Amino acid sequence: QVQLAESGGGLAQAGNSLRLSCTTYGHTASYFGIGWFRQPPGKERQFVAAIDWSGKNTYYAEFAKGRFTISRDNDKKLVSLQMNSLDSEDTAMYYCASRRETFYAGSQYSLQSQYDFWGHGTQVTVSS
């Protein structure tokens, strides 16, 4: 059974950084893509970033470009999201999600429907 466990959330001051981690368990697929999503208070869940199996191809929401970096260590079954220059609008529950295959050209990596498994989330709160 596939399980995803997020960690690293917490309280940060505006301008500071946080690093989120997602550990994956039980994937039977050899190659799978991972994405990060977030849900701000009172809003819909939104795409943040995604990474393919190799780690060579990454994808970001506009608000994340230049501030967030997604990476993965397949040996450790770990995907990280480094978030810099945080501001109050980054306050949200952050979720990692995986799919049964990697991303290919044309993959709709920003759509929640493209993912098969979800973690329970880790809360990020940014104080101004």
C-alpha atoms as a PDB file:
ATOM      1  CA  GLN A   1       0.000   0.000   0.000  1.00  0.00           C
ATOM      2  CA  VAL A   2       1.371   3.355  -1.021  1.00  0.00           C
ATOM      3  CA  GLN A   3       1.730   5.929   1.715  1.00  0.00           C
ATOM      4  CA  LEU A   4       3.118   9.421   1.681  1.00  0.00           C
ATOM      5  CA  ALA A   5       4.267  11.269   4.770  1.00  0.00           C
ATOM      6  CA  GLU A   6       4.939  14.987   4.772  1.00  0.00           C
ATOM      7  CA  SER A   7       7.059  16.764   7.344  1.00  0.00           C
ATOM      8  CA  GLY A   8       8.845  20.035   7.883  1.00  0.00           C
ATOM      9  CA  GLY A   9       5.925  22.398   8.205  1.00  0.00           C
ATOM     10  CA  GLY A  10       5.628  24.907  10.973  1.00  0.00           C
ATOM     11  CA  LEU A  11       5.680  28.596  11.744  1.00  0.00           C
ATOM     12  CA  ALA A  12       7.993  30.895   9.836  1.00  0.00           C
ATOM     13  CA  GLN A  13       8.430  34.623   9.644  1.00  0.00           C
ATOM     14  CA  ALA A  14       7.954  36.404   6.366  1.00  0.00           C
ATOM     15  CA  GLY A  15      11.166  36.386   4.370  1.00  0.00           C
ATOM     16  CA  ASN A  16      12.446  33.215   5.952  1.00  0.00           C
ATOM     17  CA  SER A  17      12.617  29.686   4.578  1.00  0.00           C
ATOM     18  CA  LEU A  18      11.189  26.256   5.247  1.00  0.00           C
ATOM     19  CA  ARG A  19      12.026  22.892   3.783  1.00  0.00           C
ATOM     20  CA  LEU A  20       9.255  20.354   3.419  1.00  0.00           C
ATOM     21  CA  SER A  21       9.890  16.664   2.967  1.00  0.00           C
ATOM     22  CA  CYS A  22       7.758  13.882   1.590  1.00  0.00           C
ATOM     23  CA  THR A  23       8.719  10.291   2.249  1.00  0.00           C
ATOM     24  CA  THR A  24       7.113   7.640   0.087  1.00  0.00           C
ATOM     25  CA  TYR A  25       6.355   4.068   1.072  1.00  0.00           C
ATOM     26  CA  GLY A  26       5.113   1.083  -0.829  1.00  0.00           C
ATOM     27  CA  HIS A  27       5.302   2.200  -4.424  1.00  0.00           C
ATOM     28  CA  THR A  28       5.286  -0.825  -6.702  1.00  0.00           C
ATOM     29  CA  ALA A  29       5.846   1.262  -9.796  1.00  0.00           C
ATOM     30  CA  SER A  30       9.467   1.713 -10.715  1.00  0.00           C
ATOM     31  CA  TYR A  31       9.035   5.233 -11.911  1.00  0.00           C
ATOM     32  CA  PHE A  32       6.582   7.691 -10.502  1.00  0.00           C
ATOM     33  CA  GLY A  33       6.062  11.411 -10.482  1.00  0.00           C
ATOM     34  CA  ILE A  34       5.571  13.483  -7.358  1.00  0.00           C
ATOM     35  CA  GLY A  35       3.783  16.758  -6.885  1.00  0.00           C
ATOM     36  CA  TRP A  36       3.251  19.278  -4.130  1.00  0.00           C
ATOM     37  CA  PHE A  37      -0.067  21.028  -3.677  1.00  0.00           C
ATOM     38  CA  ARG A  38      -1.302  23.457  -1.082  1.00  0.00           C
ATOM     39  CA  GLN A  39      -4.616  24.598   0.295  1.00  0.00           C
ATOM     40  CA  PRO A  40      -4.718  28.074   1.810  1.00  0.00           C
ATOM     41  CA  PRO A  41      -7.397  28.782   4.419  1.00  0.00           C
ATOM     42  CA  GLY A  42     -10.797  29.056   2.784  1.00  0.00           C
ATOM     43  CA  LYS A  43      -9.463  28.367  -0.705  1.00  0.00           C
ATOM     44  CA  GLU A  44      -9.240  25.495  -3.128  1.00  0.00           C
ATOM     45  CA  ARG A  45      -6.226  23.252  -3.239  1.00  0.00           C
ATOM     46  CA  GLN A  46      -3.699  24.457  -5.794  1.00  0.00           C
ATOM     47  CA  PHE A  47      -0.679  23.093  -7.575  1.00  0.00           C
ATOM     48  CA  VAL A  48       2.760  24.133  -6.315  1.00  0.00           C
ATOM     49  CA  ALA A  49       5.429  22.022  -7.996  1.00  0.00           C
ATOM     50  CA  ALA A  50       6.089  18.613  -9.522  1.00  0.00           C
ATOM     51  CA  ILE A  51       9.071  16.475 -10.417  1.00  0.00           C
ATOM     52  CA  ASP A  52       9.539  13.491 -12.672  1.00  0.00           C
ATOM     53  CA  TRP A  53      11.228  10.237 -11.733  1.00  0.00           C
ATOM     54  CA  SER A  54      14.673  11.256 -12.887  1.00  0.00           C
ATOM     55  CA  GLY A  55      14.559  14.562 -11.059  1.00  0.00           C
ATOM     56  CA  LYS A  56      15.727  16.295 -14.217  1.00  0.00           C
ATOM     57  CA  ASN A  57      12.341  17.748 -15.107  1.00  0.00           C
ATOM     58  CA  THR A  58      10.606  20.035 -12.670  1.00  0.00           C
ATOM     59  CA  TYR A  59       7.469  22.102 -12.978  1.00  0.00           C
ATOM     60  CA  TYR A  60       6.284  25.053 -10.936  1.00  0.00           C
ATOM     61  CA  ALA A  61       3.265  27.225 -10.427  1.00  0.00           C
ATOM     62  CA  GLU A  62       3.912  30.843 -11.304  1.00  0.00           C
ATOM     63  CA  PHE A  63       3.933  31.930  -7.676  1.00  0.00           C
ATOM     64  CA  ALA A  64       6.566  29.299  -6.872  1.00  0.00           C
ATOM     65  CA  LYS A  65       9.032  30.071  -9.632  1.00  0.00           C
ATOM     66  CA  GLY A  66      12.225  31.569  -8.313  1.00  0.00           C
ATOM     67  CA  ARG A  67      11.299  30.956  -4.674  1.00  0.00           C
ATOM     68  CA  PHE A  68      10.563  27.236  -4.367  1.00  0.00           C
ATOM     69  CA  THR A  69      12.715  24.314  -5.445  1.00  0.00           C
ATOM     70  CA  ILE A  70      11.547  20.728  -5.696  1.00  0.00           C
ATOM     71  CA  SER A  71      14.048  17.889  -5.604  1.00  0.00           C
ATOM     72  CA  ARG A  72      14.139  14.171  -4.961  1.00  0.00           C
ATOM     73  CA  ASP A  73      16.442  11.468  -3.669  1.00  0.00           C
ATOM     74  CA  ASN A  74      15.175   8.152  -4.979  1.00  0.00           C
ATOM     75  CA  ASP A  75      17.540   6.116  -2.838  1.00  0.00           C
ATOM     76  CA  LYS A  76      15.989   7.678   0.246  1.00  0.00           C
ATOM     77  CA  LYS A  77      12.490   7.714  -1.261  1.00  0.00           C
ATOM     78  CA  LEU A  78      12.392  11.386  -0.403  1.00  0.00           C
ATOM     79  CA  VAL A  79      11.057  14.436  -2.194  1.00  0.00           C
ATOM     80  CA  SER A  80      11.786  17.892  -0.817  1.00  0.00           C
ATOM     81  CA  LEU A  81      10.314  21.317  -1.346  1.00  0.00           C
ATOM     82  CA  GLN A  82      12.627  24.159  -0.403  1.00  0.00           C
ATOM     83  CA  MET A  83      10.625  27.331   0.108  1.00  0.00           C
ATOM     84  CA  ASN A  84      12.438  30.643   0.321  1.00  0.00           C
ATOM     85  CA  SER A  85      11.283  34.232   0.734  1.00  0.00           C
ATOM     86  CA  LEU A  86       8.076  33.113   2.353  1.00  0.00           C
ATOM     87  CA  ASP A  87       5.213  35.523   2.723  1.00  0.00           C
ATOM     88  CA  SER A  88       1.826  35.357   4.402  1.00  0.00           C
ATOM     89  CA  GLU A  89       0.156  34.168   1.209  1.00  0.00           C
ATOM     90  CA  ASP A  90       2.169  30.964   1.471  1.00  0.00           C
ATOM     91  CA  THR A  91       0.234  30.023   4.597  1.00  0.00           C
ATOM     92  CA  ALA A  92      -1.503  26.755   3.742  1.00  0.00           C
ATOM     93  CA  MET A  93      -1.689  23.061   4.301  1.00  0.00           C
ATOM     94  CA  TYR A  94       0.882  21.489   2.006  1.00  0.00           C
ATOM     95  CA  TYR A  95       0.311  18.056   0.505  1.00  0.00           C
ATOM     96  CA  CYS A  96       2.524  15.767  -1.500  1.00  0.00           C
ATOM     97  CA  ALA A  97       1.001  13.430  -4.028  1.00  0.00           C
ATOM     98  CA  SER A  98       2.308  10.707  -6.287  1.00  0.00           C
ATOM     99  CA  ARG A  99       1.137   8.999  -9.419  1.00  0.00           C
ATOM    100  CA  ARG A 100       1.758   5.528 -10.759  1.00  0.00           C
ATOM    101  CA  GLU A 101       3.999   6.729 -13.550  1.00  0.00           C
ATOM    102  CA  THR A 102       6.425   9.518 -14.199  1.00  0.00           C
ATOM    103  CA  PHE A 103       5.630  12.686 -16.104  1.00  0.00           C
ATOM    104  CA  TYR A 104       5.975  12.862 -19.851  1.00  0.00           C
ATOM    105  CA  ALA A 105       5.753  15.660 -22.354  1.00  0.00           C
ATOM    106  CA  GLY A 106       2.186  16.834 -22.217  1.00  0.00           C
ATOM    107  CA  SER A 107       1.469  15.404 -18.769  1.00  0.00           C
ATOM    108  CA  GLN A 108      -1.040  17.493 -16.877  1.00  0.00           C
ATOM    109  CA  TYR A 109       1.122  17.655 -13.778  1.00  0.00           C
ATOM    110  CA  SER A 110      -0.852  20.533 -12.270  1.00  0.00           C
ATOM    111  CA  LEU A 111      -4.135  18.627 -12.158  1.00  0.00           C
ATOM    112  CA  GLN A 112      -5.043  16.832  -8.963  1.00  0.00           C
ATOM    113  CA  SER A 113      -6.747  14.127 -10.988  1.00  0.00           C
ATOM    114  CA  GLN A 114      -3.351  13.088 -12.347  1.00  0.00           C
ATOM    115  CA  TYR A 115      -2.271  11.840  -8.939  1.00  0.00           C
ATOM    116  CA  ASP A 116      -3.182   8.542  -7.375  1.00  0.00           C
ATOM    117  CA  PHE A 117      -1.948   8.853  -3.818  1.00  0.00           C
ATOM    118  CA  TRP A 118      -1.937  11.683  -1.297  1.00  0.00           C
ATOM    119  CA  GLY A 119      -0.367  12.424   2.041  1.00  0.00           C
ATOM    120  CA  HIS A 120      -2.214  13.948   4.974  1.00  0.00           C
ATOM    121  CA  GLY A 121      -0.473  17.287   4.724  1.00  0.00           C
ATOM    122  CA  THR A 122       1.784  19.491   6.797  1.00  0.00           C
ATOM    123  CA  GLN A 123       0.770  22.969   7.927  1.00  0.00           C
ATOM    124  CA  VAL A 124       2.848  25.992   6.993  1.00  0.00           C
ATOM    125  CA  THR A 125       2.060  29.278   8.681  1.00  0.00           C
ATOM    126  CA  VAL A 126       3.906  32.438   7.732  1.00  0.00           C
ATOM    127  CA  SER A 127       3.666  35.421  10.031  1.00  0.00           C
ATOM    128  CA  SER A 128       4.209  38.919   8.704  1.00  0.00           C
END
